[in-house]
Amino acid sequence: MADTAAAARPTIRVRLVKGLRGTQARHRLSVKALGLTKVNDVRELVDSPQVRGLINTVYYLVRVEE
């Protein structure tokens, strides 16, 4: 039952398009929380307010591919 509920949630793809060098420590932690480590790294995440908040924090480092 839990797999069906998880499959029904909308997802978004997030790509790290810029390096983390010279960024604030808080922003580096936000990128790490999104699961991104290297440039051009892509993760498919559940579209939730928490994830959107992390993306808004580092909007200049990532690209959202819906």
N, C-alpha and C. Protein backbone atom coordinates (compact mmCIF):
# COMPACT_ATOMS: atom_id res chain seq x y z
N MET A 1 0.81 -1.19 0.00
CA MET A 1 0.00 0.00 0.00
C MET A 1 0.86 1.26 0.00
N ALA A 2 1.96 1.23 0.73
CA ALA A 2 2.83 2.40 0.82
C ALA A 2 3.49 2.69 -0.54
N ASP A 3 3.81 1.64 -1.31
CA ASP A 3 4.43 1.84 -2.61
C ASP A 3 3.48 2.54 -3.57
N THR A 4 2.21 2.25 -3.48
CA THR A 4 1.22 2.88 -4.34
C THR A 4 1.10 4.36 -4.01
N ALA A 5 1.11 4.70 -2.74
CA ALA A 5 1.01 6.10 -2.33
C ALA A 5 2.25 6.88 -2.76
N ALA A 6 3.41 6.26 -2.66
CA ALA A 6 4.64 6.94 -3.06
C ALA A 6 4.69 7.13 -4.57
N ALA A 7 4.15 6.19 -5.32
CA ALA A 7 4.17 6.29 -6.77
C ALA A 7 3.21 7.36 -7.26
N ALA A 8 2.17 7.67 -6.50
CA ALA A 8 1.18 8.64 -6.93
C ALA A 8 1.65 10.08 -6.71
N ARG A 9 2.68 10.30 -5.90
CA ARG A 9 3.18 11.64 -5.64
C ARG A 9 3.92 12.19 -6.85
N PRO A 10 3.73 13.46 -7.16
CA PRO A 10 4.47 14.05 -8.28
C PRO A 10 5.95 14.22 -7.92
N THR A 11 6.80 14.07 -8.91
CA THR A 11 8.23 14.21 -8.68
C THR A 11 8.79 15.30 -9.58
N ILE A 12 9.94 15.82 -9.18
CA ILE A 12 10.66 16.79 -10.00
C ILE A 12 12.11 16.34 -10.10
N ARG A 13 12.75 16.71 -11.21
CA ARG A 13 14.16 16.39 -11.41
C ARG A 13 14.95 17.66 -11.15
N VAL A 14 15.98 17.55 -10.33
CA VAL A 14 16.81 18.69 -9.97
C VAL A 14 18.23 18.41 -10.43
N ARG A 15 18.82 19.36 -11.16
CA ARG A 15 20.18 19.21 -11.68
C ARG A 15 21.06 20.32 -11.11
N LEU A 16 22.24 19.94 -10.62
CA LEU A 16 23.22 20.92 -10.15
C LEU A 16 23.97 21.46 -11.36
N VAL A 17 23.83 22.75 -11.65
CA VAL A 17 24.41 23.32 -12.86
C VAL A 17 25.62 24.21 -12.59
N LYS A 18 25.89 24.48 -11.33
CA LYS A 18 27.01 25.36 -10.99
C LYS A 18 27.74 24.77 -9.79
N GLY A 19 29.05 24.96 -9.75
CA GLY A 19 29.86 24.44 -8.66
C GLY A 19 29.59 25.15 -7.34
N LEU A 20 30.00 24.52 -6.26
CA LEU A 20 29.73 25.03 -4.92
C LEU A 20 30.86 25.90 -4.38
N ARG A 21 31.91 26.03 -5.11
CA ARG A 21 33.06 26.80 -4.63
C ARG A 21 32.67 28.28 -4.47
N GLY A 22 32.97 28.83 -3.31
CA GLY A 22 32.69 30.23 -3.06
C GLY A 22 31.28 30.52 -2.60
N THR A 23 30.49 29.49 -2.34
CA THR A 23 29.13 29.69 -1.87
C THR A 23 29.08 29.65 -0.35
N GLN A 24 27.98 30.10 0.20
CA GLN A 24 27.81 30.08 1.64
C GLN A 24 27.70 28.64 2.13
N ALA A 25 28.15 28.42 3.36
CA ALA A 25 28.10 27.08 3.95
C ALA A 25 26.66 26.58 4.02
N ARG A 26 25.74 27.45 4.34
CA ARG A 26 24.32 27.07 4.42
C ARG A 26 23.80 26.58 3.06
N HIS A 27 24.26 27.21 1.99
CA HIS A 27 23.82 26.81 0.65
C HIS A 27 24.44 25.47 0.26
N ARG A 28 25.68 25.25 0.66
CA ARG A 28 26.31 23.95 0.39
C ARG A 28 25.56 22.83 1.10
N LEU A 29 25.10 23.11 2.32
CA LEU A 29 24.33 22.10 3.05
C LEU A 29 22.98 21.85 2.39
N SER A 30 22.36 22.88 1.83
CA SER A 30 21.08 22.71 1.14
C SER A 30 21.25 21.83 -0.10
N VAL A 31 22.33 22.04 -0.82
CA VAL A 31 22.60 21.21 -2.00
C VAL A 31 22.84 19.77 -1.59
N LYS A 32 23.56 19.58 -0.50
CA LYS A 32 23.81 18.23 0.01
C LYS A 32 22.51 17.57 0.44
N ALA A 33 21.61 18.34 1.05
CA ALA A 33 20.31 17.80 1.48
C ALA A 33 19.47 17.37 0.29
N LEU A 34 19.66 18.03 -0.85
CA LEU A 34 18.95 17.63 -2.07
C LEU A 34 19.57 16.37 -2.68
N GLY A 35 20.73 15.95 -2.20
CA GLY A 35 21.37 14.74 -2.70
C GLY A 35 22.27 14.98 -3.88
N LEU A 36 22.66 16.22 -4.11
CA LEU A 36 23.51 16.56 -5.24
C LEU A 36 24.95 16.73 -4.76
N THR A 37 25.90 16.17 -5.50
CA THR A 37 27.30 16.25 -5.09
C THR A 37 28.19 16.89 -6.14
N LYS A 38 28.00 16.56 -7.41
CA LYS A 38 28.86 17.06 -8.48
C LYS A 38 28.04 17.87 -9.47
N VAL A 39 28.72 18.67 -10.27
CA VAL A 39 28.05 19.42 -11.32
C VAL A 39 27.44 18.43 -12.31
N ASN A 40 26.25 18.74 -12.79
CA ASN A 40 25.45 17.91 -13.70
C ASN A 40 24.87 16.68 -13.01
N ASP A 41 24.94 16.60 -11.71
CA ASP A 41 24.29 15.53 -10.95
C ASP A 41 22.78 15.76 -11.00
N VAL A 42 22.01 14.70 -11.19
CA VAL A 42 20.55 14.81 -11.28
C VAL A 42 19.92 13.88 -10.25
N ARG A 43 18.90 14.39 -9.56
CA ARG A 43 18.13 13.59 -8.61
C ARG A 43 16.65 13.81 -8.89
N GLU A 44 15.90 12.75 -8.76
CA GLU A 44 14.46 12.83 -8.88
C GLU A 44 13.88 12.81 -7.46
N LEU A 45 13.22 13.89 -7.09
CA LEU A 45 12.74 14.07 -5.73
C LEU A 45 11.23 14.26 -5.72
N VAL A 46 10.61 13.92 -4.60
CA VAL A 46 9.18 14.14 -4.42
C VAL A 46 8.94 15.63 -4.34
N ASP A 47 7.95 16.11 -5.06
CA ASP A 47 7.63 17.54 -5.08
C ASP A 47 6.87 17.88 -3.81
N SER A 48 7.59 18.43 -2.82
CA SER A 48 6.99 18.79 -1.54
C SER A 48 7.42 20.20 -1.17
N PRO A 49 6.73 20.83 -0.24
CA PRO A 49 7.13 22.18 0.18
C PRO A 49 8.55 22.23 0.75
N GLN A 50 8.98 21.17 1.42
CA GLN A 50 10.33 21.15 1.98
C GLN A 50 11.38 21.16 0.87
N VAL A 51 11.17 20.34 -0.15
CA VAL A 51 12.11 20.28 -1.26
C VAL A 51 12.10 21.60 -2.03
N ARG A 52 10.92 22.16 -2.24
CA ARG A 52 10.82 23.45 -2.93
C ARG A 52 11.55 24.54 -2.16
N GLY A 53 11.50 24.49 -0.84
CA GLY A 53 12.21 25.47 -0.02
C GLY A 53 13.71 25.36 -0.19
N LEU A 54 14.22 24.13 -0.23
CA LEU A 54 15.65 23.92 -0.46
C LEU A 54 16.06 24.43 -1.84
N ILE A 55 15.22 24.17 -2.83
CA ILE A 55 15.51 24.62 -4.19
C ILE A 55 15.50 26.15 -4.26
N ASN A 56 14.54 26.78 -3.58
CA ASN A 56 14.48 28.25 -3.58
C ASN A 56 15.71 28.86 -2.91
N THR A 57 16.27 28.17 -1.94
CA THR A 57 17.47 28.66 -1.27
C THR A 57 18.66 28.69 -2.22
N VAL A 58 18.77 27.71 -3.07
CA VAL A 58 19.93 27.60 -3.97
C VAL A 58 19.51 27.69 -5.44
N TYR A 59 18.55 28.55 -5.72
CA TYR A 59 18.00 28.68 -7.07
C TYR A 59 19.08 28.98 -8.12
N TYR A 60 20.14 29.65 -7.72
CA TYR A 60 21.19 30.04 -8.68
C TYR A 60 22.19 28.91 -8.94
N LEU A 61 22.06 27.80 -8.23
CA LEU A 61 22.96 26.67 -8.40
C LEU A 61 22.32 25.48 -9.10
N VAL A 62 20.98 25.42 -9.09
CA VAL A 62 20.28 24.25 -9.61
C VAL A 62 19.29 24.64 -10.70
N ARG A 63 18.90 23.63 -11.47
CA ARG A 63 17.85 23.80 -12.48
C ARG A 63 16.82 22.72 -12.24
N VAL A 64 15.55 23.11 -12.27
CA VAL A 64 14.46 22.17 -12.06
C VAL A 64 13.94 21.72 -13.41
N GLU A 65 13.91 20.42 -13.61
CA GLU A 65 13.41 19.83 -14.86
C GLU A 65 12.15 19.04 -14.50
N GLU A 66 11.01 19.63 -14.75
CA GLU A 66 9.75 19.00 -14.33
C GLU A 66 9.25 17.99 -15.31
